[in-house]
């Protein structure tokens, strides 16, 4: 018997989210405004963005045509570790609940993302979830690990021990 596609995604999402949580728990939000470069996100905004990313899975599942001009995007910055973790767990639990509603054929439906009249992408939902929900968080989690290193915060290992855990 073959595993349903949603079950594979949920299993991977839970595994990756445990790693993301380890990173988020170490963010020193007292230094929320710190940036490694003027063009970079602040530490607080980047950490909050990482915590929010599972909402893309929900958006892809529930909104077939996402328009940044109409729906906007978040600029929220968590004020505390508790708030950061609440955001993360709320978005993660919502994403898992939305994935649970999907049948294998639903993942082949097209998802569109645009900014007004400017088309950004048109992708099958299974590809959009992988890129906007999974690769996206892994990318920004990597950025966050560099921020932690630059701030002398011990970096947790992700797929093995970090230099701080040897």
Protein backbone atom coordinates (compact mmCIF):
# COMPACT_ATOMS: atom_id res chain seq x y z
CA UNK A 1 0.00 0.00 0.00
CA UNK A 2 1.29 3.44 -0.96
CA UNK A 3 1.44 6.32 1.50
CA UNK A 4 -0.86 9.22 0.62
CA UNK A 5 1.07 12.28 -0.55
CA UNK A 6 -0.39 14.39 2.28
CA UNK A 7 0.91 11.90 4.86
CA UNK A 8 4.43 12.12 3.45
CA UNK A 9 4.27 15.93 3.57
CA UNK A 10 2.89 15.97 7.11
CA UNK A 11 5.64 13.62 8.30
CA UNK A 12 8.33 15.77 6.70
CA UNK A 13 6.74 18.99 7.96
CA UNK A 14 6.73 17.70 11.54
CA UNK A 15 10.36 16.61 11.25
CA UNK A 16 11.54 19.93 9.77
CA UNK A 17 9.44 21.87 12.28
CA UNK A 18 11.19 20.19 15.21
CA UNK A 19 14.47 21.49 13.77
CA UNK A 20 12.99 24.95 13.16
CA UNK A 21 11.75 25.09 16.75
CA UNK A 22 15.28 24.41 18.04
CA UNK A 23 16.51 27.43 16.06
CA UNK A 24 13.65 29.74 17.06
CA UNK A 25 14.04 28.93 20.75
CA UNK A 26 17.56 30.39 20.70
CA UNK A 27 16.70 33.74 19.10
CA UNK A 28 17.64 36.58 21.49
CA UNK A 29 14.64 38.82 20.86
CA UNK A 30 16.13 41.44 23.17
CA UNK A 31 18.31 42.16 20.10
CA UNK A 32 15.28 42.19 17.79
CA UNK A 33 16.40 45.28 15.83
CA UNK A 34 19.91 43.94 15.07
CA UNK A 35 20.82 43.45 11.40
CA UNK A 36 24.03 42.07 9.89
CA UNK A 37 23.67 44.53 6.98
CA UNK A 38 21.43 47.49 6.19
CA UNK A 39 19.66 45.51 3.43
CA UNK A 40 18.96 42.54 5.72
CA UNK A 41 15.87 41.74 7.74
CA UNK A 42 16.19 42.61 11.41
CA UNK A 43 16.71 39.60 13.70
CA UNK A 44 13.18 39.93 15.07
CA UNK A 45 11.55 40.18 11.65
CA UNK A 46 13.56 37.24 10.26
CA UNK A 47 12.71 35.03 13.25
CA UNK A 48 9.03 35.95 13.02
CA UNK A 49 9.08 35.31 9.26
CA UNK A 50 10.52 31.83 9.87
CA UNK A 51 7.78 31.19 12.45
CA UNK A 52 5.09 32.31 9.99
CA UNK A 53 6.23 30.34 6.94
CA UNK A 54 3.98 27.29 7.52
CA UNK A 55 1.06 29.61 6.69
CA UNK A 56 2.13 29.40 3.04
CA UNK A 57 1.06 25.77 3.05
CA UNK A 58 -2.39 26.84 4.26
CA UNK A 59 -2.57 29.66 1.74
CA UNK A 60 -1.63 27.39 -1.15
CA UNK A 61 -4.29 24.87 -0.12
CA UNK A 62 -7.09 27.34 0.60
CA UNK A 63 -6.48 30.20 -1.88
CA UNK A 64 -6.01 29.17 -5.53
CA UNK A 65 -4.95 32.65 -6.68
CA UNK A 66 -2.82 34.55 -4.14
CA UNK A 67 -2.47 38.26 -4.89
CA UNK A 68 0.01 40.21 -2.74
CA UNK A 69 -1.64 43.47 -3.86
CA UNK A 70 -4.99 42.33 -2.43
CA UNK A 71 -3.96 40.11 0.50
CA UNK A 72 -0.68 41.80 1.49
CA UNK A 73 2.01 40.25 3.65
CA UNK A 74 3.05 40.33 7.28
CA UNK A 75 5.55 42.69 8.86
CA UNK A 76 4.90 41.38 12.36
CA UNK A 77 7.79 41.11 14.83
CA UNK A 78 7.34 38.86 17.87
CA UNK A 79 8.10 40.62 21.13
CA UNK A 80 9.02 37.51 23.14
CA UNK A 81 10.06 33.90 22.70
CA UNK A 82 6.62 32.83 23.92
CA UNK A 83 4.93 34.96 21.26
CA UNK A 84 7.33 33.66 18.60
CA UNK A 85 6.58 30.05 19.54
CA UNK A 86 2.83 30.74 19.67
CA UNK A 87 2.96 32.14 16.12
CA UNK A 88 5.01 29.16 14.93
CA UNK A 89 2.78 26.50 16.51
CA UNK A 90 -0.45 28.19 15.38
CA UNK A 91 0.75 28.38 11.75
CA UNK A 92 2.17 24.83 11.88
CA UNK A 93 -0.99 23.30 13.36
CA UNK A 94 -3.12 25.13 10.80
CA UNK A 95 -0.91 23.86 7.95
CA UNK A 96 -1.16 20.28 9.20
CA UNK A 97 -4.94 20.58 9.50
CA UNK A 98 -5.17 21.92 5.93
CA UNK A 99 -2.88 19.17 4.60
CA UNK A 100 -5.15 16.59 6.26
CA UNK A 101 -8.02 17.76 4.00
CA UNK A 102 -6.12 17.07 0.77
CA UNK A 103 -6.58 14.11 -1.53
CA UNK A 104 -3.73 13.07 -3.83
CA UNK A 105 -5.44 14.66 -6.87
CA UNK A 106 -5.80 17.99 -5.05
CA UNK A 107 -2.04 18.44 -5.14
CA UNK A 108 -2.13 18.60 -8.96
CA UNK A 109 -4.41 21.67 -8.96
CA UNK A 110 -2.78 24.92 -10.03
CA UNK A 111 -1.81 27.64 -7.57
CA UNK A 112 -1.21 31.18 -8.84
CA UNK A 113 0.76 33.86 -7.04
CA UNK A 114 0.76 37.42 -8.35
CA UNK A 115 1.17 41.03 -7.36
CA UNK A 116 -1.77 42.78 -9.00
CA UNK A 117 -1.40 42.37 -12.76
CA UNK A 118 2.17 41.13 -12.44
CA UNK A 119 2.25 37.32 -12.61
CA UNK A 120 4.90 35.73 -10.42
CA UNK A 121 4.23 32.00 -10.68
CA UNK A 122 1.69 29.40 -11.71
CA UNK A 123 2.53 26.03 -10.17
CA UNK A 124 0.92 22.72 -9.27
CA UNK A 125 0.07 22.89 -5.56
CA UNK A 126 2.44 19.98 -4.77
CA UNK A 127 5.35 22.00 -6.20
CA UNK A 128 4.21 25.26 -4.56
CA UNK A 129 3.97 23.57 -1.14
CA UNK A 130 7.46 22.11 -1.51
CA UNK A 131 9.02 25.44 -2.58
CA UNK A 132 6.97 28.05 -0.65
CA UNK A 133 6.36 25.89 2.44
CA UNK A 134 9.43 23.66 2.80
CA UNK A 135 12.40 25.10 0.88
CA UNK A 136 11.40 28.59 1.99
CA UNK A 137 11.66 27.77 5.70
CA UNK A 138 14.92 25.85 5.24
CA UNK A 139 16.43 28.83 3.38
CA UNK A 140 15.47 31.38 6.04
CA UNK A 141 16.36 29.01 8.88
CA UNK A 142 19.86 28.91 7.41
CA UNK A 143 19.96 32.70 7.39
CA UNK A 144 18.83 32.72 11.00
CA UNK A 145 21.66 30.35 11.95
CA UNK A 146 24.16 32.87 10.54
CA UNK A 147 22.54 35.66 12.55
CA UNK A 148 22.86 33.54 15.70
CA UNK A 149 26.53 32.80 14.94
CA UNK A 150 27.28 36.50 14.42
CA UNK A 151 25.62 37.26 17.77
CA UNK A 152 27.64 34.53 19.55
CA UNK A 153 24.52 32.48 20.27
CA UNK A 154 25.23 28.71 20.16
CA UNK A 155 23.77 27.36 16.91
CA UNK A 156 21.76 24.15 17.22
CA UNK A 157 22.52 21.28 14.88
CA UNK A 158 20.02 20.58 12.16
CA UNK A 159 21.00 17.39 10.31
CA UNK A 160 23.85 16.56 12.65
CA UNK A 161 25.73 18.41 15.37
CA UNK A 162 26.77 22.01 14.88
CA UNK A 163 30.23 23.31 15.81
CA UNK A 164 28.66 24.31 19.14
CA UNK A 165 27.46 20.78 19.91
CA UNK A 166 30.58 18.72 19.25
